[in-house]
Amino acid sequence: MANSAQARKRARQAVKQRAHNTSLRSSLRTAVKRVRKAILAGDKAAAQSIYRESVAVIDRVADKKIIHKNKAARHKSRLSAQVKNLSA
């Protein structure tokens, strides 16, 4: 357990920050799943619109350093390729 007042405060802050980061990471995963679901459904127009929304979420999470920028780029690249390969 933390011994100083400063350490106790940092422990409290860490709990709050961890909850916030977990929430952001969850929204990222949900956004990616939504795109994959649209791709599996085979609806290219819907997949493209959902992909555009998801890119904003992915970038926002990467900017806050919840995930690495390269991981964000990898997600966007792979999802984009899958959307492009859908037949119109």
PDB file of N, CA and C in Angstrom:
ATOM      1  N   MET A   1       0.842  -1.185   0.000  1.00  0.00           N
ATOM      2  CA  MET A   1       0.000   0.000   0.000  1.00  0.00           C
ATOM      3  C   MET A   1       0.884   1.244   0.000  1.00  0.00           C
ATOM      4  N   ALA A   2       0.370   2.304  -0.598  1.00  0.00           N
ATOM      5  CA  ALA A   2       1.119   3.551  -0.689  1.00  0.00           C
ATOM      6  C   ALA A   2       1.298   4.164   0.704  1.00  0.00           C
ATOM      7  N   ASN A   3       2.482   4.691   0.965  1.00  0.00           N
ATOM      8  CA  ASN A   3       2.798   5.208   2.303  1.00  0.00           C
ATOM      9  C   ASN A   3       2.654   6.717   2.413  1.00  0.00           C
ATOM     10  N   SER A   4       2.964   7.449   1.370  1.00  0.00           N
ATOM     11  CA  SER A   4       2.887   8.907   1.461  1.00  0.00           C
ATOM     12  C   SER A   4       1.580   9.397   0.858  1.00  0.00           C
ATOM     13  N   ALA A   5       1.239  10.627   1.189  1.00  0.00           N
ATOM     14  CA  ALA A   5       0.015  11.230   0.661  1.00  0.00           C
ATOM     15  C   ALA A   5       0.089  11.313  -0.861  1.00  0.00           C
ATOM     16  N   GLN A   6       1.258  11.650  -1.369  1.00  0.00           N
ATOM     17  CA  GLN A   6       1.447  11.750  -2.820  1.00  0.00           C
ATOM     18  C   GLN A   6       1.214  10.400  -3.484  1.00  0.00           C
ATOM     19  N   ALA A   7       1.748   9.346  -2.905  1.00  0.00           N
ATOM     20  CA  ALA A   7       1.599   8.003  -3.473  1.00  0.00           C
ATOM     21  C   ALA A   7       0.151   7.539  -3.410  1.00  0.00           C
ATOM     22  N   ARG A   8      -0.530   7.892  -2.311  1.00  0.00           N
ATOM     23  CA  ARG A   8      -1.959   7.522  -2.210  1.00  0.00           C
ATOM     24  C   ARG A   8      -2.769   8.221  -3.296  1.00  0.00           C
ATOM     25  N   LYS A   9      -2.474   9.493  -3.510  1.00  0.00           N
ATOM     26  CA  LYS A   9      -3.194  10.248  -4.550  1.00  0.00           C
ATOM     27  C   LYS A   9      -2.911   9.663  -5.926  1.00  0.00           C
ATOM     28  N   ARG A  10      -1.649   9.338  -6.200  1.00  0.00           N
ATOM     29  CA  ARG A  10      -1.307   8.757  -7.503  1.00  0.00           C
ATOM     30  C   ARG A  10      -2.009   7.412  -7.698  1.00  0.00           C
ATOM     31  N   ALA A  11      -2.162   6.653  -6.630  1.00  0.00           N
ATOM     32  CA  ALA A  11      -2.868   5.366  -6.711  1.00  0.00           C
ATOM     33  C   ALA A  11      -4.334   5.592  -7.059  1.00  0.00           C
ATOM     34  N   ARG A  12      -4.946   6.617  -6.435  1.00  0.00           N
ATOM     35  CA  ARG A  12      -6.354   6.942  -6.762  1.00  0.00           C
ATOM     36  C   ARG A  12      -6.479   7.380  -8.219  1.00  0.00           C
ATOM     37  N   GLN A  13      -5.558   8.228  -8.638  1.00  0.00           N
ATOM     38  CA  GLN A  13      -5.603   8.715 -10.018  1.00  0.00           C
ATOM     39  C   GLN A  13      -5.402   7.579 -11.016  1.00  0.00           C
ATOM     40  N   ALA A  14      -4.536   6.642 -10.669  1.00  0.00           N
ATOM     41  CA  ALA A  14      -4.258   5.519 -11.567  1.00  0.00           C
ATOM     42  C   ALA A  14      -5.500   4.677 -11.781  1.00  0.00           C
ATOM     43  N   VAL A  15      -6.297   4.497 -10.740  1.00  0.00           N
ATOM     44  CA  VAL A  15      -7.528   3.712 -10.860  1.00  0.00           C
ATOM     45  C   VAL A  15      -8.496   4.402 -11.820  1.00  0.00           C
ATOM     46  N   LYS A  16      -8.653   5.719 -11.662  1.00  0.00           N
ATOM     47  CA  LYS A  16      -9.564   6.474 -12.533  1.00  0.00           C
ATOM     48  C   LYS A  16      -9.076   6.466 -13.980  1.00  0.00           C
ATOM     49  N   GLN A  17      -7.764   6.666 -14.158  1.00  0.00           N
ATOM     50  CA  GLN A  17      -7.200   6.712 -15.506  1.00  0.00           C
ATOM     51  C   GLN A  17      -7.300   5.361 -16.192  1.00  0.00           C
ATOM     52  N   ARG A  18      -7.106   4.291 -15.432  1.00  0.00           N
ATOM     53  CA  ARG A  18      -7.201   2.941 -15.992  1.00  0.00           C
ATOM     54  C   ARG A  18      -8.621   2.666 -16.484  1.00  0.00           C
ATOM     55  N   ALA A  19      -9.610   3.116 -15.713  1.00  0.00           N
ATOM     56  CA  ALA A  19     -11.006   2.933 -16.124  1.00  0.00           C
ATOM     57  C   ALA A  19     -11.293   3.696 -17.411  1.00  0.00           C
ATOM     58  N   HIS A  20     -10.751   4.902 -17.512  1.00  0.00           N
ATOM     59  CA  HIS A  20     -10.957   5.712 -18.714  1.00  0.00           C
ATOM     60  C   HIS A  20     -10.289   5.078 -19.931  1.00  0.00           C
ATOM     61  N   ASN A  21      -9.057   4.604 -19.751  1.00  0.00           N
ATOM     62  CA  ASN A  21      -8.326   3.955 -20.844  1.00  0.00           C
ATOM     63  C   ASN A  21      -9.033   2.689 -21.294  1.00  0.00           C
ATOM     64  N   THR A  22      -9.562   1.930 -20.331  1.00  0.00           N
ATOM     65  CA  THR A  22     -10.289   0.703 -20.656  1.00  0.00           C
ATOM     66  C   THR A  22     -11.522   1.018 -21.495  1.00  0.00           C
ATOM     67  N   SER A  23     -12.201   2.092 -21.145  1.00  0.00           N
ATOM     68  CA  SER A  23     -13.381   2.510 -21.898  1.00  0.00           C
ATOM     69  C   SER A  23     -13.018   2.871 -23.336  1.00  0.00           C
ATOM     70  N   LEU A  24     -11.946   3.618 -23.514  1.00  0.00           N
ATOM     71  CA  LEU A  24     -11.511   4.007 -24.853  1.00  0.00           C
ATOM     72  C   LEU A  24     -11.092   2.787 -25.674  1.00  0.00           C
ATOM     73  N   ARG A  25     -10.379   1.859 -25.041  1.00  0.00           N
ATOM     74  CA  ARG A  25      -9.944   0.648 -25.736  1.00  0.00           C
ATOM     75  C   ARG A  25     -11.148  -0.193 -26.156  1.00  0.00           C
ATOM     76  N   SER A  26     -12.161  -0.211 -25.311  1.00  0.00           N
ATOM     77  CA  SER A  26     -13.385  -0.945 -25.624  1.00  0.00           C
ATOM     78  C   SER A  26     -14.101  -0.327 -26.822  1.00  0.00           C
ATOM     79  N   SER A  27     -14.147   1.011 -26.872  1.00  0.00           N
ATOM     80  CA  SER A  27     -14.798   1.677 -28.003  1.00  0.00           C
ATOM     81  C   SER A  27     -14.046   1.401 -29.301  1.00  0.00           C
ATOM     82  N   LEU A  28     -12.723   1.291 -29.216  1.00  0.00           N
ATOM     83  CA  LEU A  28     -11.910   0.939 -30.386  1.00  0.00           C
ATOM     84  C   LEU A  28     -12.287  -0.449 -30.893  1.00  0.00           C
ATOM     85  N   ARG A  29     -12.328  -1.406 -29.981  1.00  0.00           N
ATOM     86  CA  ARG A  29     -12.648  -2.775 -30.374  1.00  0.00           C
ATOM     87  C   ARG A  29     -14.055  -2.871 -30.971  1.00  0.00           C
ATOM     88  N   THR A  30     -14.989  -2.133 -30.400  1.00  0.00           N
ATOM     89  CA  THR A  30     -16.360  -2.125 -30.915  1.00  0.00           C
ATOM     90  C   THR A  30     -16.397  -1.554 -32.326  1.00  0.00           C
ATOM     91  N   ALA A  31     -15.647  -0.478 -32.558  1.00  0.00           N
ATOM     92  CA  ALA A  31     -15.611   0.143 -33.883  1.00  0.00           C
ATOM     93  C   ALA A  31     -15.070  -0.827 -34.925  1.00  0.00           C
ATOM     94  N   VAL A  32     -14.008  -1.544 -34.574  1.00  0.00           N
ATOM     95  CA  VAL A  32     -13.412  -2.512 -35.500  1.00  0.00           C
ATOM     96  C   VAL A  32     -14.395  -3.649 -35.777  1.00  0.00           C
ATOM     97  N   LYS A  33     -15.075  -4.107 -34.737  1.00  0.00           N
ATOM     98  CA  LYS A  33     -16.042  -5.198 -34.900  1.00  0.00           C
ATOM     99  C   LYS A  33     -17.209  -4.776 -35.796  1.00  0.00           C
ATOM    100  N   ARG A  34     -17.633  -3.520 -35.671  1.00  0.00           N
ATOM    101  CA  ARG A  34     -18.732  -3.038 -36.509  1.00  0.00           C
ATOM    102  C   ARG A  34     -18.353  -3.089 -37.988  1.00  0.00           C
ATOM    103  N   VAL A  35     -17.124  -2.705 -38.304  1.00  0.00           N
ATOM    104  CA  VAL A  35     -16.669  -2.741 -39.700  1.00  0.00           C
ATOM    105  C   VAL A  35     -16.609  -4.186 -40.187  1.00  0.00           C
ATOM    106  N   ARG A  36     -16.053  -5.065 -39.369  1.00  0.00           N
ATOM    107  CA  ARG A  36     -15.952  -6.473 -39.770  1.00  0.00           C
ATOM    108  C   ARG A  36     -17.326  -7.086 -39.988  1.00  0.00           C
ATOM    109  N   LYS A  37     -18.275  -6.708 -39.162  1.00  0.00           N
ATOM    110  CA  LYS A  37     -19.632  -7.229 -39.309  1.00  0.00           C
ATOM    111  C   LYS A  37     -20.253  -6.756 -40.622  1.00  0.00           C
ATOM    112  N   ALA A  38     -20.037  -5.485 -40.969  1.00  0.00           N
ATOM    113  CA  ALA A  38     -20.549  -4.943 -42.227  1.00  0.00           C
ATOM    114  C   ALA A  38     -19.883  -5.630 -43.421  1.00  0.00           C
ATOM    115  N   ILE A  39     -18.602  -5.942 -43.292  1.00  0.00           N
ATOM    116  CA  ILE A  39     -17.883  -6.627 -44.371  1.00  0.00           C
ATOM    117  C   ILE A  39     -18.454  -8.029 -44.566  1.00  0.00           C
ATOM    118  N   LEU A  40     -18.690  -8.727 -43.456  1.00  0.00           N
ATOM    119  CA  LEU A  40     -19.257 -10.075 -43.547  1.00  0.00           C
ATOM    120  C   LEU A  40     -20.666 -10.063 -44.144  1.00  0.00           C
ATOM    121  N   ALA A  41     -21.407  -8.993 -43.885  1.00  0.00           N
ATOM    122  CA  ALA A  41     -22.749  -8.873 -44.449  1.00  0.00           C
ATOM    123  C   ALA A  41     -22.684  -8.650 -45.959  1.00  0.00           C
ATOM    124  N   GLY A  42     -21.562  -8.136 -46.440  1.00  0.00           N
ATOM    125  CA  GLY A  42     -21.369  -7.952 -47.878  1.00  0.00           C
ATOM    126  C   GLY A  42     -21.913  -6.647 -48.429  1.00  0.00           C
ATOM    127  N   ASP A  43     -22.301  -5.733 -47.557  1.00  0.00           N
ATOM    128  CA  ASP A  43     -22.855  -4.447 -48.001  1.00  0.00           C
ATOM    129  C   ASP A  43     -21.720  -3.428 -48.075  1.00  0.00           C
ATOM    130  N   LYS A  44     -21.256  -3.161 -49.296  1.00  0.00           N
ATOM    131  CA  LYS A  44     -20.088  -2.294 -49.471  1.00  0.00           C
ATOM    132  C   LYS A  44     -20.358  -0.859 -49.041  1.00  0.00           C
ATOM    133  N   ALA A  45     -21.532  -0.326 -49.378  1.00  0.00           N
ATOM    134  CA  ALA A  45     -21.836   1.063 -49.022  1.00  0.00           C
ATOM    135  C   ALA A  45     -21.875   1.239 -47.505  1.00  0.00           C
ATOM    136  N   ALA A  46     -22.520   0.306 -46.827  1.00  0.00           N
ATOM    137  CA  ALA A  46     -22.585   0.388 -45.367  1.00  0.00           C
ATOM    138  C   ALA A  46     -21.208   0.205 -44.758  1.00  0.00           C
ATOM    139  N   ALA A  47     -20.439  -0.716 -45.305  1.00  0.00           N
ATOM    140  CA  ALA A  47     -19.098  -0.965 -44.789  1.00  0.00           C
ATOM    141  C   ALA A  47     -18.222   0.273 -44.931  1.00  0.00           C
ATOM    142  N   GLN A  48     -18.355   0.982 -46.064  1.00  0.00           N
ATOM    143  CA  GLN A  48     -17.547   2.181 -46.275  1.00  0.00           C
ATOM    144  C   GLN A  48     -17.912   3.278 -45.279  1.00  0.00           C
ATOM    145  N   SER A  49     -19.205   3.477 -45.046  1.00  0.00           N
ATOM    146  CA  SER A  49     -19.610   4.536 -44.118  1.00  0.00           C
ATOM    147  C   SER A  49     -19.203   4.195 -42.684  1.00  0.00           C
ATOM    148  N   ILE A  50     -19.366   2.939 -42.295  1.00  0.00           N
ATOM    149  CA  ILE A  50     -18.964   2.527 -40.949  1.00  0.00           C
ATOM    150  C   ILE A  50     -17.446   2.602 -40.812  1.00  0.00           C
ATOM    151  N   TYR A  51     -16.724   2.265 -41.885  1.00  0.00           N
ATOM    152  CA  TYR A  51     -15.264   2.343 -41.860  1.00  0.00           C
ATOM    153  C   TYR A  51     -14.803   3.779 -41.605  1.00  0.00           C
ATOM    154  N   ARG A  52     -15.448   4.747 -42.273  1.00  0.00           N
ATOM    155  CA  ARG A  52     -15.070   6.154 -42.080  1.00  0.00           C
ATOM    156  C   ARG A  52     -15.279   6.584 -40.627  1.00  0.00           C
ATOM    157  N   GLU A  53     -16.387   6.141 -40.023  1.00  0.00           N
ATOM    158  CA  GLU A  53     -16.636   6.472 -38.616  1.00  0.00           C
ATOM    159  C   GLU A  53     -15.588   5.810 -37.712  1.00  0.00           C
ATOM    160  N   SER A  54     -15.237   4.591 -38.057  1.00  0.00           N
ATOM    161  CA  SER A  54     -14.296   3.835 -37.237  1.00  0.00           C
ATOM    162  C   SER A  54     -12.888   4.414 -37.306  1.00  0.00           C
ATOM    163  N   VAL A  55     -12.519   4.952 -38.449  1.00  0.00           N
ATOM    164  CA  VAL A  55     -11.192   5.558 -38.592  1.00  0.00           C
ATOM    165  C   VAL A  55     -11.040   6.711 -37.598  1.00  0.00           C
ATOM    166  N   ALA A  56     -12.107   7.478 -37.417  1.00  0.00           N
ATOM    167  CA  ALA A  56     -12.057   8.584 -36.463  1.00  0.00           C
ATOM    168  C   ALA A  56     -11.820   8.062 -35.045  1.00  0.00           C
ATOM    169  N   VAL A  57     -12.495   6.984 -34.697  1.00  0.00           N
ATOM    170  CA  VAL A  57     -12.324   6.393 -33.363  1.00  0.00           C
ATOM    171  C   VAL A  57     -10.904   5.852 -33.203  1.00  0.00           C
ATOM    172  N   ILE A  58     -10.423   5.143 -34.224  1.00  0.00           N
ATOM    173  CA  ILE A  58      -9.078   4.566 -34.164  1.00  0.00           C
ATOM    174  C   ILE A  58      -8.030   5.673 -34.006  1.00  0.00           C
ATOM    175  N   ASP A  59      -8.167   6.749 -34.776  1.00  0.00           N
ATOM    176  CA  ASP A  59      -7.205   7.851 -34.691  1.00  0.00           C
ATOM    177  C   ASP A  59      -7.256   8.540 -33.325  1.00  0.00           C
ATOM    178  N   ARG A  60      -8.464   8.714 -32.804  1.00  0.00           N
ATOM    179  CA  ARG A  60      -8.621   9.369 -31.510  1.00  0.00           C
ATOM    180  C   ARG A  60      -7.929   8.568 -30.411  1.00  0.00           C
ATOM    181  N   VAL A  61      -8.109   7.249 -30.446  1.00  0.00           N
ATOM    182  CA  VAL A  61      -7.494   6.395 -29.430  1.00  0.00           C
ATOM    183  C   VAL A  61      -5.972   6.388 -29.584  1.00  0.00           C
ATOM    184  N   ALA A  62      -5.495   6.392 -30.817  1.00  0.00           N
ATOM    185  CA  ALA A  62      -4.048   6.402 -31.048  1.00  0.00           C
ATOM    186  C   ALA A  62      -3.434   7.735 -30.611  1.00  0.00           C
ATOM    187  N   ASP A  63      -4.145   8.838 -30.849  1.00  0.00           N
ATOM    188  CA  ASP A  63      -3.631  10.153 -30.444  1.00  0.00           C
ATOM    189  C   ASP A  63      -3.462  10.245 -28.929  1.00  0.00           C
ATOM    190  N   LYS A  64      -4.322   9.544 -28.189  1.00  0.00           N
ATOM    191  CA  LYS A  64      -4.234   9.559 -26.731  1.00  0.00           C
ATOM    192  C   LYS A  64      -3.277   8.497 -26.208  1.00  0.00           C
ATOM    193  N   LYS A  65      -2.593   7.820 -27.132  1.00  0.00           N
ATOM    194  CA  LYS A  65      -1.577   6.808 -26.812  1.00  0.00           C
ATOM    195  C   LYS A  65      -2.138   5.631 -26.029  1.00  0.00           C
ATOM    196  N   ILE A  66      -3.396   5.309 -26.278  1.00  0.00           N
ATOM    197  CA  ILE A  66      -3.988   4.109 -25.690  1.00  0.00           C
ATOM    198  C   ILE A  66      -3.464   2.895 -26.462  1.00  0.00           C
ATOM    199  N   ILE A  67      -3.330   3.072 -27.790  1.00  0.00           N
ATOM    200  CA  ILE A  67      -2.654   2.076 -28.619  1.00  0.00           C
ATOM    201  C   ILE A  67      -1.560   2.797 -29.394  1.00  0.00           C
ATOM    202  N   HIS A  68      -0.602   2.047 -29.894  1.00  0.00           N
ATOM    203  CA  HIS A  68       0.493   2.634 -30.656  1.00  0.00           C
ATOM    204  C   HIS A  68      -0.011   3.086 -32.018  1.00  0.00           C
ATOM    205  N   LYS A  69       0.591   4.132 -32.552  1.00  0.00           N
ATOM    206  CA  LYS A  69       0.164   4.672 -33.845  1.00  0.00           C
ATOM    207  C   LYS A  69       0.316   3.650 -34.965  1.00  0.00           C
ATOM    208  N   ASN A  70       1.323   2.775 -34.867  1.00  0.00           N
ATOM    209  CA  ASN A  70       1.496   1.756 -35.905  1.00  0.00           C
ATOM    210  C   ASN A  70       0.390   0.709 -35.848  1.00  0.00           C
ATOM    211  N   LYS A  71      -0.073   0.399 -34.653  1.00  0.00           N
ATOM    212  CA  LYS A  71      -1.179  -0.545 -34.513  1.00  0.00           C
ATOM    213  C   LYS A  71      -2.444   0.061 -35.109  1.00  0.00           C
ATOM    214  N   ALA A  72      -2.649   1.351 -34.888  1.00  0.00           N
ATOM    215  CA  ALA A  72      -3.803   2.036 -35.467  1.00  0.00           C
ATOM    216  C   ALA A  72      -3.719   2.004 -36.991  1.00  0.00           C
ATOM    217  N   ALA A  73      -2.537   2.268 -37.522  1.00  0.00           N
ATOM    218  CA  ALA A  73      -2.344   2.256 -38.970  1.00  0.00           C
ATOM    219  C   ALA A  73      -2.591   0.860 -39.535  1.00  0.00           C
ATOM    220  N   ARG A  74      -2.154  -0.154 -38.809  1.00  0.00           N
ATOM    221  CA  ARG A  74      -2.352  -1.533 -39.256  1.00  0.00           C
ATOM    222  C   ARG A  74      -3.841  -1.888 -39.299  1.00  0.00           C
ATOM    223  N   HIS A  75      -4.578  -1.498 -38.264  1.00  0.00           N
ATOM    224  CA  HIS A  75      -6.024  -1.740 -38.246  1.00  0.00           C
ATOM    225  C   HIS A  75      -6.703  -1.063 -39.441  1.00  0.00           C
ATOM    226  N   LYS A  76      -6.364   0.218 -39.639  1.00  0.00           N
ATOM    227  CA  LYS A  76      -6.998   0.972 -40.722  1.00  0.00           C
ATOM    228  C   LYS A  76      -6.662   0.376 -42.081  1.00  0.00           C
ATOM    229  N   SER A  77      -5.417  -0.014 -42.266  1.00  0.00           N
ATOM    230  CA  SER A  77      -4.975  -0.565 -43.542  1.00  0.00           C
ATOM    231  C   SER A  77      -5.695  -1.875 -43.862  1.00  0.00           C
ATOM    232  N   ARG A  78      -5.752  -2.759 -42.891  1.00  0.00           N
ATOM    233  CA  ARG A  78      -6.376  -4.060 -43.129  1.00  0.00           C
ATOM    234  C   ARG A  78      -7.876  -3.942 -43.349  1.00  0.00           C
ATOM    235  N   LEU A  79      -8.523  -3.089 -42.564  1.00  0.00           N
ATOM    236  CA  LEU A  79      -9.969  -2.898 -42.749  1.00  0.00           C
ATOM    237  C   LEU A  79     -10.262  -2.254 -44.097  1.00  0.00           C
ATOM    238  N   SER A  80      -9.440  -1.282 -44.479  1.00  0.00           N
ATOM    239  CA  SER A  80      -9.623  -0.606 -45.761  1.00  0.00           C
ATOM    240  C   SER A  80      -9.488  -1.601 -46.919  1.00  0.00           C
ATOM    241  N   ALA A  81      -8.488  -2.455 -46.839  1.00  0.00           N
ATOM    242  CA  ALA A  81      -8.290  -3.454 -47.897  1.00  0.00           C
ATOM    243  C   ALA A  81      -9.476  -4.401 -47.988  1.00  0.00           C
ATOM    244  N   GLN A  82     -10.017  -4.789 -46.852  1.00  0.00           N
ATOM    245  CA  GLN A  82     -11.167  -5.686 -46.846  1.00  0.00           C
ATOM    246  C   GLN A  82     -12.410  -5.006 -47.423  1.00  0.00           C
ATOM    247  N   VAL A  83     -12.597  -3.735 -47.117  1.00  0.00           N
ATOM    248  CA  VAL A  83     -13.749  -2.994 -47.659  1.00  0.00           C
ATOM    249  C   VAL A  83     -13.598  -2.835 -49.164  1.00  0.00           C
ATOM    250  N   LYS A  84     -12.384  -2.543 -49.623  1.00  0.00           N
ATOM    251  CA  LYS A  84     -12.153  -2.365 -51.062  1.00  0.00           C
ATOM    252  C   LYS A  84     -12.377  -3.652 -51.846  1.00  0.00           C
ATOM    253  N   ASN A  85     -12.103  -4.797 -51.228  1.00  0.00           N
ATOM    254  CA  ASN A  85     -12.244  -6.071 -51.918  1.00  0.00           C
ATOM    255  C   ASN A  85     -13.698  -6.551 -52.000  1.00  0.00           C
ATOM    256  N   LEU A  86     -14.604  -5.860 -51.318  1.00  0.00           N
ATOM    257  CA  LEU A  86     -16.012  -6.240 -51.412  1.00  0.00           C
ATOM    258  C   LEU A  86     -16.523  -5.959 -52.813  1.00  0.00           C
ATOM    259  N   SER A  87     -17.379  -6.825 -53.307  1.00  0.00           N
ATOM    260  CA  SER A  87     -17.967  -6.569 -54.628  1.00  0.00           C
ATOM    261  C   SER A  87     -19.106  -5.579 -54.473  1.00  0.00           C
ATOM    262  N   ALA A  88     -19.193  -4.657 -55.416  1.00  0.00           N
ATOM    263  CA  ALA A  88     -20.236  -3.621 -55.360  1.00  0.00           C
ATOM    264  C   ALA A  88     -21.541  -4.201 -55.741  1.00  0.00           C
TER     265      ALA A  88
END
